[in-house]
Every structure is written in C-alpha cells, then in structure tokens.
Amino acid sequence: MLSLLCISTTTFPHSTPFPPFQVHALLAWANASPRGLLLFVDEAESALPDRRAASGVSEVAQNVLNTFLYHTGAQSSQFMLVLATNRPSDLDEALLDRMDEVLPKAKENHYICVVLKWSHEKNIFF
C-alpha cells in the first residue's frame, strides 16, 4: 500500500521522499499491467489539489498532478483510477473532467452497500 500523502510533500515521517518520477513509474506500470489494475487514491485532494487554489500548490504537488493528467488523458482498459475525497471541489478541474462518474450520493451509498453485501454472501467478487 502506498500513501500518496508522501507525494504531496517532499518528505514523509518514517519514509523516504516520493518524487513525481516514481508516480510516473507506477502509472506506466499500471498501464502496462497484463492483468489490469485498480488504483485507489484515498484523500485525493491532498495529493492532487486544484492548481487554482488560493493557498498555492507546491511544485512537487503540481508535478504529481501533471503526471496523473498525462497518464489519464485517454481511457485505458488496463487500469481504473478511483479517487476518494470528502472535498471534490478541492480537486483539480482537469482531473475531474477525466472522471467518468462522481459517486456516491446518499442513495448510491445505500445501493453500493446492498450490492457489496449481496456479492459477499454469494462469494461473487468484482
């Protein structure tokens, strides 16, 4: 498991620096994966902030965002990128434009829970 918090800053406690070229390598590997890959980014707003933010965006965070934009410019059958955030308005607009779906709302939350519970009971995993 990789914490993208260390991407948005240049250092991370108990870890080594995680520069943008490693994000590029990760996403290039995901695109080349013969079995496919689901890449889940929790608290995406911390690693992929809006470049127009009043507080400013660090050079490292901007380079990471540019790397994500480069690798998500076209649809891929090799990997799926899932971004989780409580603050979608803090994500970069160009990144949001590349997302197929923005979920969930309260109704979808319930539906997702029902489907996951059903699939777990039937030993169906997707």
N, C-alpha and C. Protein backbone atom coordinates (compact mmCIF):
# COMPACT_ATOMS: atom_id res chain seq x y z
N MET A 1 0.84 -1.17 0.00
CA MET A 1 0.00 0.00 0.00
C MET A 1 0.89 1.24 0.00
N LEU A 2 0.50 2.21 -0.79
CA LEU A 2 1.27 3.43 -0.94
C LEU A 2 0.45 4.59 -0.44
N SER A 3 1.01 5.39 0.42
CA SER A 3 0.32 6.59 0.88
C SER A 3 0.71 7.75 -0.02
N LEU A 4 -0.28 8.36 -0.65
CA LEU A 4 0.01 9.50 -1.51
C LEU A 4 0.26 10.77 -0.72
N LEU A 5 0.07 10.72 0.59
CA LEU A 5 0.41 11.88 1.41
C LEU A 5 1.88 12.21 1.25
N CYS A 6 2.71 11.19 1.10
CA CYS A 6 4.14 11.45 0.94
C CYS A 6 4.45 12.02 -0.44
N ILE A 7 3.49 11.94 -1.36
CA ILE A 7 3.69 12.54 -2.67
C ILE A 7 3.48 14.04 -2.61
N SER A 8 2.48 14.45 -1.84
CA SER A 8 2.13 15.87 -1.83
C SER A 8 3.13 16.73 -1.07
N THR A 9 3.99 16.09 -0.30
CA THR A 9 5.06 16.81 0.36
C THR A 9 6.37 16.18 -0.10
N THR A 10 7.47 16.76 0.24
CA THR A 10 8.74 16.19 -0.22
C THR A 10 9.28 15.14 0.73
N THR A 11 8.78 15.13 1.96
CA THR A 11 9.20 14.10 2.90
C THR A 11 8.00 13.60 3.66
N PHE A 12 8.11 12.43 4.22
CA PHE A 12 7.02 11.81 4.96
C PHE A 12 7.62 11.12 6.16
N PRO A 13 7.07 11.30 7.34
CA PRO A 13 7.66 10.66 8.53
C PRO A 13 7.78 9.14 8.34
N HIS A 14 8.88 8.59 8.74
CA HIS A 14 9.14 7.15 8.68
C HIS A 14 9.17 6.64 7.24
N SER A 15 9.48 7.50 6.30
CA SER A 15 9.50 7.10 4.90
C SER A 15 10.56 7.90 4.18
N THR A 16 10.82 7.50 2.96
CA THR A 16 11.75 8.25 2.12
C THR A 16 10.95 9.17 1.22
N PRO A 17 11.57 10.18 0.63
CA PRO A 17 10.85 11.06 -0.29
C PRO A 17 10.25 10.26 -1.44
N PHE A 18 9.11 10.68 -1.92
CA PHE A 18 8.42 10.00 -3.01
C PHE A 18 8.25 10.98 -4.16
N PRO A 19 9.25 11.12 -5.02
CA PRO A 19 9.20 12.13 -6.08
C PRO A 19 8.24 11.76 -7.21
N PRO A 20 7.86 12.74 -8.01
CA PRO A 20 6.92 12.51 -9.11
C PRO A 20 7.37 11.44 -10.10
N PHE A 21 8.68 11.25 -10.31
CA PHE A 21 9.10 10.23 -11.28
C PHE A 21 8.68 8.84 -10.82
N GLN A 22 8.53 8.64 -9.51
CA GLN A 22 8.04 7.35 -9.03
C GLN A 22 6.55 7.19 -9.30
N VAL A 23 5.80 8.29 -9.26
CA VAL A 23 4.39 8.25 -9.63
C VAL A 23 4.28 7.90 -11.11
N HIS A 24 5.13 8.50 -11.92
CA HIS A 24 5.16 8.19 -13.36
C HIS A 24 5.44 6.70 -13.57
N ALA A 25 6.41 6.16 -12.85
CA ALA A 25 6.74 4.74 -12.98
C ALA A 25 5.56 3.87 -12.55
N LEU A 26 4.88 4.24 -11.47
CA LEU A 26 3.73 3.48 -11.00
C LEU A 26 2.61 3.47 -12.04
N LEU A 27 2.29 4.65 -12.60
CA LEU A 27 1.21 4.74 -13.57
C LEU A 27 1.58 4.09 -14.90
N ALA A 28 2.84 4.17 -15.29
CA ALA A 28 3.29 3.47 -16.50
C ALA A 28 3.18 1.97 -16.32
N TRP A 29 3.54 1.48 -15.14
CA TRP A 29 3.41 0.06 -14.83
C TRP A 29 1.94 -0.36 -14.85
N ALA A 30 1.07 0.49 -14.29
CA ALA A 30 -0.36 0.19 -14.29
C ALA A 30 -0.90 0.07 -15.71
N ASN A 31 -0.46 0.98 -16.59
CA ASN A 31 -0.90 0.93 -17.99
C ASN A 31 -0.40 -0.31 -18.72
N ALA A 32 0.73 -0.84 -18.30
CA ALA A 32 1.32 -2.00 -18.96
C ALA A 32 0.93 -3.32 -18.30
N SER A 33 0.19 -3.27 -17.21
CA SER A 33 -0.17 -4.47 -16.47
C SER A 33 -1.02 -5.40 -17.33
N PRO A 34 -0.57 -6.64 -17.55
CA PRO A 34 -1.34 -7.56 -18.39
C PRO A 34 -2.64 -8.04 -17.73
N ARG A 35 -2.72 -7.98 -16.43
CA ARG A 35 -3.91 -8.45 -15.72
C ARG A 35 -4.85 -7.32 -15.35
N GLY A 36 -4.45 -6.11 -15.55
CA GLY A 36 -5.26 -4.97 -15.15
C GLY A 36 -4.99 -4.59 -13.70
N LEU A 37 -5.39 -3.40 -13.35
CA LEU A 37 -5.08 -2.89 -12.03
C LEU A 37 -6.12 -1.84 -11.63
N LEU A 38 -6.49 -1.87 -10.37
CA LEU A 38 -7.33 -0.83 -9.80
C LEU A 38 -6.44 -0.01 -8.89
N LEU A 39 -6.33 1.27 -9.18
CA LEU A 39 -5.51 2.17 -8.37
C LEU A 39 -6.45 3.06 -7.56
N PHE A 40 -6.43 2.90 -6.23
CA PHE A 40 -7.32 3.63 -5.34
C PHE A 40 -6.51 4.70 -4.61
N VAL A 41 -6.95 5.94 -4.72
CA VAL A 41 -6.28 7.06 -4.06
C VAL A 41 -7.24 7.65 -3.04
N ASP A 42 -6.96 7.43 -1.76
CA ASP A 42 -7.79 7.97 -0.69
C ASP A 42 -7.31 9.38 -0.37
N GLU A 43 -8.23 10.24 0.04
CA GLU A 43 -7.92 11.63 0.34
C GLU A 43 -7.16 12.27 -0.82
N ALA A 44 -7.72 12.09 -2.01
CA ALA A 44 -7.08 12.54 -3.24
C ALA A 44 -6.79 14.03 -3.27
N GLU A 45 -7.59 14.82 -2.56
CA GLU A 45 -7.38 16.27 -2.58
C GLU A 45 -6.04 16.67 -1.99
N SER A 46 -5.47 15.82 -1.14
CA SER A 46 -4.17 16.17 -0.56
C SER A 46 -3.03 15.94 -1.55
N ALA A 47 -3.18 14.99 -2.45
CA ALA A 47 -2.11 14.71 -3.41
C ALA A 47 -2.37 15.33 -4.78
N LEU A 48 -3.64 15.62 -5.09
CA LEU A 48 -4.00 16.12 -6.41
C LEU A 48 -4.84 17.39 -6.29
N PRO A 49 -4.30 18.43 -5.64
CA PRO A 49 -5.09 19.64 -5.37
C PRO A 49 -5.32 20.48 -6.62
N ASP A 50 -6.33 21.33 -6.52
CA ASP A 50 -6.64 22.27 -7.60
C ASP A 50 -5.49 23.27 -7.74
N ARG A 51 -4.99 23.40 -8.95
CA ARG A 51 -3.87 24.32 -9.20
C ARG A 51 -4.26 25.77 -8.97
N ARG A 52 -5.56 26.06 -9.02
CA ARG A 52 -6.03 27.44 -8.84
C ARG A 52 -6.30 27.79 -7.39
N ALA A 53 -5.94 26.90 -6.47
CA ALA A 53 -6.21 27.11 -5.05
C ALA A 53 -5.53 28.38 -4.55
N ALA A 54 -6.24 29.10 -3.70
CA ALA A 54 -5.73 30.36 -3.16
C ALA A 54 -4.47 30.14 -2.32
N SER A 55 -4.38 28.98 -1.68
CA SER A 55 -3.22 28.71 -0.82
C SER A 55 -1.97 28.35 -1.62
N GLY A 56 -2.14 28.16 -2.90
CA GLY A 56 -0.99 27.79 -3.73
C GLY A 56 -0.72 26.30 -3.65
N VAL A 57 -0.05 25.80 -4.65
CA VAL A 57 0.26 24.37 -4.75
C VAL A 57 1.77 24.24 -4.89
N SER A 58 2.34 23.33 -4.12
CA SER A 58 3.79 23.15 -4.19
C SER A 58 4.20 22.64 -5.55
N GLU A 59 5.45 22.82 -5.89
CA GLU A 59 5.97 22.36 -7.18
C GLU A 59 5.87 20.84 -7.28
N VAL A 60 6.13 20.14 -6.18
CA VAL A 60 6.04 18.67 -6.17
C VAL A 60 4.60 18.24 -6.44
N ALA A 61 3.63 18.87 -5.75
CA ALA A 61 2.22 18.52 -5.94
C ALA A 61 1.79 18.81 -7.37
N GLN A 62 2.25 19.91 -7.94
CA GLN A 62 1.90 20.23 -9.33
C GLN A 62 2.50 19.22 -10.29
N ASN A 63 3.73 18.79 -10.05
CA ASN A 63 4.36 17.78 -10.90
C ASN A 63 3.63 16.44 -10.80
N VAL A 64 3.18 16.08 -9.60
CA VAL A 64 2.42 14.84 -9.42
C VAL A 64 1.10 14.93 -10.17
N LEU A 65 0.42 16.07 -10.04
CA LEU A 65 -0.84 16.27 -10.75
C LEU A 65 -0.63 16.17 -12.25
N ASN A 66 0.40 16.82 -12.77
CA ASN A 66 0.69 16.76 -14.21
C ASN A 66 0.96 15.33 -14.66
N THR A 67 1.62 14.54 -13.80
CA THR A 67 1.88 13.14 -14.13
C THR A 67 0.57 12.36 -14.22
N PHE A 68 -0.32 12.58 -13.25
CA PHE A 68 -1.64 11.92 -13.30
C PHE A 68 -2.40 12.34 -14.55
N LEU A 69 -2.37 13.62 -14.89
CA LEU A 69 -3.08 14.10 -16.08
C LEU A 69 -2.50 13.48 -17.35
N TYR A 70 -1.20 13.35 -17.41
CA TYR A 70 -0.54 12.74 -18.56
C TYR A 70 -1.01 11.30 -18.75
N HIS A 71 -1.09 10.55 -17.67
CA HIS A 71 -1.42 9.12 -17.76
C HIS A 71 -2.92 8.85 -17.84
N THR A 72 -3.74 9.86 -17.60
CA THR A 72 -5.19 9.66 -17.67
C THR A 72 -5.82 10.43 -18.82
N GLY A 73 -5.02 10.82 -19.79
CA GLY A 73 -5.51 11.58 -20.93
C GLY A 73 -6.41 10.79 -21.85
N ALA A 74 -6.29 9.48 -21.85
CA ALA A 74 -7.12 8.61 -22.69
C ALA A 74 -7.64 7.46 -21.83
N GLN A 75 -8.79 6.90 -22.23
CA GLN A 75 -9.32 5.77 -21.49
C GLN A 75 -8.38 4.58 -21.63
N SER A 76 -8.36 3.78 -20.59
CA SER A 76 -7.48 2.61 -20.58
C SER A 76 -8.28 1.40 -20.11
N SER A 77 -8.07 0.28 -20.76
CA SER A 77 -8.69 -0.96 -20.29
C SER A 77 -7.73 -1.68 -19.34
N GLN A 78 -6.56 -1.10 -19.13
CA GLN A 78 -5.56 -1.74 -18.28
C GLN A 78 -5.65 -1.35 -16.82
N PHE A 79 -6.11 -0.13 -16.54
CA PHE A 79 -6.23 0.24 -15.14
C PHE A 79 -7.39 1.19 -14.93
N MET A 80 -7.92 1.13 -13.72
CA MET A 80 -9.01 2.00 -13.30
C MET A 80 -8.50 2.84 -12.14
N LEU A 81 -8.72 4.11 -12.24
CA LEU A 81 -8.31 5.04 -11.19
C LEU A 81 -9.55 5.44 -10.40
N VAL A 82 -9.52 5.21 -9.09
CA VAL A 82 -10.61 5.58 -8.20
C VAL A 82 -10.07 6.60 -7.21
N LEU A 83 -10.70 7.76 -7.20
CA LEU A 83 -10.29 8.82 -6.28
C LEU A 83 -11.35 8.96 -5.20
N ALA A 84 -10.93 8.93 -3.96
CA ALA A 84 -11.84 9.12 -2.84
C ALA A 84 -11.51 10.44 -2.16
N THR A 85 -12.55 11.22 -1.91
CA THR A 85 -12.36 12.51 -1.26
C THR A 85 -13.65 12.95 -0.60
N ASN A 86 -13.53 13.70 0.46
CA ASN A 86 -14.68 14.35 1.07
C ASN A 86 -14.86 15.75 0.52
N ARG A 87 -13.88 16.19 -0.26
CA ARG A 87 -13.90 17.56 -0.78
C ARG A 87 -13.60 17.57 -2.28
N PRO A 88 -14.55 17.12 -3.11
CA PRO A 88 -14.30 17.08 -4.55
C PRO A 88 -14.01 18.45 -5.15
N SER A 89 -14.51 19.51 -4.52
CA SER A 89 -14.26 20.86 -5.03
C SER A 89 -12.78 21.25 -4.89
N ASP A 90 -12.02 20.53 -4.08
CA ASP A 90 -10.59 20.81 -3.91
C ASP A 90 -9.72 20.08 -4.92
N LEU A 91 -10.33 19.21 -5.74
CA LEU A 91 -9.57 18.51 -6.78
C LEU A 91 -9.43 19.41 -8.01
N ASP A 92 -8.39 19.17 -8.78
CA ASP A 92 -8.15 19.97 -9.97
C ASP A 92 -9.25 19.72 -11.01
N GLU A 93 -9.69 20.77 -11.65
CA GLU A 93 -10.78 20.68 -12.63
C GLU A 93 -10.42 19.76 -13.80
N ALA A 94 -9.18 19.81 -14.26
CA ALA A 94 -8.76 18.95 -15.37
C ALA A 94 -8.84 17.48 -14.98
N LEU A 95 -8.53 17.18 -13.74
CA LEU A 95 -8.63 15.81 -13.25
C LEU A 95 -10.08 15.37 -13.17
N LEU A 96 -10.95 16.23 -12.66
CA LEU A 96 -12.38 15.92 -12.58
C LEU A 96 -12.98 15.68 -13.96
N ASP A 97 -12.52 16.42 -14.96
CA ASP A 97 -13.01 16.23 -16.33
C ASP A 97 -12.69 14.84 -16.87
N ARG A 98 -11.68 14.20 -16.33
CA ARG A 98 -11.29 12.87 -16.80
C ARG A 98 -12.05 11.75 -16.08
N MET A 99 -12.80 12.09 -15.05
CA MET A 99 -13.53 11.08 -14.29
C MET A 99 -14.85 10.76 -14.98
N ASP A 100 -15.15 9.46 -15.10
CA ASP A 100 -16.40 9.03 -15.72
C ASP A 100 -17.59 9.23 -14.80
N GLU A 101 -17.41 8.96 -13.53
CA GLU A 101 -18.50 9.01 -12.57
C GLU A 101 -18.04 9.75 -11.32
N VAL A 102 -18.96 10.47 -10.72
CA VAL A 102 -18.71 11.06 -9.41
C VAL A 102 -19.76 10.46 -8.48
N LEU A 103 -19.31 9.65 -7.57
CA LEU A 103 -20.19 8.94 -6.64
C LEU A 103 -19.65 9.10 -5.25
N PRO A 104 -20.33 8.74 -4.28
CA PRO A 104 -21.77 8.48 -4.28
C PRO A 104 -22.52 9.59 -3.59
N LYS A 105 -23.76 9.61 -3.82
CA LYS A 105 -24.69 10.42 -3.04
C LYS A 105 -25.35 9.45 -2.06
N ALA A 106 -26.20 9.93 -1.20
CA ALA A 106 -26.79 9.07 -0.15
C ALA A 106 -27.47 7.85 -0.74
N LYS A 107 -28.23 8.03 -1.81
CA LYS A 107 -28.94 6.91 -2.43
C LYS A 107 -27.95 5.88 -2.99
N GLU A 108 -26.90 6.36 -3.67
CA GLU A 108 -25.90 5.46 -4.23
C GLU A 108 -25.12 4.74 -3.13
N ASN A 109 -24.85 5.44 -2.02
CA ASN A 109 -24.18 4.82 -0.88
C ASN A 109 -24.93 3.58 -0.43
N HIS A 110 -26.24 3.71 -0.28
CA HIS A 110 -27.06 2.58 0.15
C HIS A 110 -26.99 1.45 -0.89
N TYR A 111 -27.12 1.80 -2.16
CA TYR A 111 -27.08 0.80 -3.22
C TYR A 111 -25.75 0.06 -3.24
N ILE A 112 -24.66 0.78 -3.11
CA ILE A 112 -23.33 0.16 -3.10
C ILE A 112 -23.21 -0.82 -1.94
N CYS A 113 -23.68 -0.44 -0.77
CA CYS A 113 -23.63 -1.32 0.40
C CYS A 113 -24.45 -2.58 0.18
N VAL A 114 -25.65 -2.44 -0.41
CA VAL A 114 -26.50 -3.60 -0.68
C VAL A 114 -25.82 -4.54 -1.66
N VAL A 115 -25.26 -4.01 -2.73
CA VAL A 115 -24.60 -4.84 -3.73
C VAL A 115 -23.37 -5.53 -3.14
N LEU A 116 -22.58 -4.82 -2.38
CA LEU A 116 -21.39 -5.42 -1.78
C LEU A 116 -21.76 -6.51 -0.78
N LYS A 117 -22.79 -6.28 0.02
CA LYS A 117 -23.24 -7.30 0.96
C LYS A 117 -23.73 -8.53 0.21
N TRP A 118 -24.54 -8.34 -0.82
CA TRP A 118 -25.05 -9.45 -1.62
C TRP A 118 -23.91 -10.23 -2.27
N SER A 119 -22.95 -9.52 -2.86
CA SER A 119 -21.85 -10.19 -3.54
C SER A 119 -20.98 -10.97 -2.56
N HIS A 120 -20.81 -10.43 -1.35
CA HIS A 120 -20.03 -11.13 -0.33
C HIS A 120 -20.74 -12.42 0.10
N GLU A 121 -22.05 -12.33 0.29
CA GLU A 121 -22.83 -13.51 0.68
C GLU A 121 -22.80 -14.59 -0.39
N LYS A 122 -22.75 -14.20 -1.65
CA LYS A 122 -22.76 -15.16 -2.77
C LYS A 122 -21.35 -15.51 -3.24
N ASN A 123 -20.33 -14.97 -2.55
CA ASN A 123 -18.93 -15.18 -2.94
C ASN A 123 -18.65 -14.74 -4.38
N ILE A 124 -19.24 -13.63 -4.74
CA ILE A 124 -19.02 -13.03 -6.06
C ILE A 124 -18.18 -11.78 -5.85
N PHE A 125 -17.05 -11.74 -6.50
CA PHE A 125 -16.16 -10.59 -6.33
C PHE A 125 -15.91 -9.96 -7.69
N PHE A 126 -15.99 -8.64 -7.73
CA PHE A 126 -15.75 -7.92 -8.97
C PHE A 126 -14.96 -6.70 -8.73
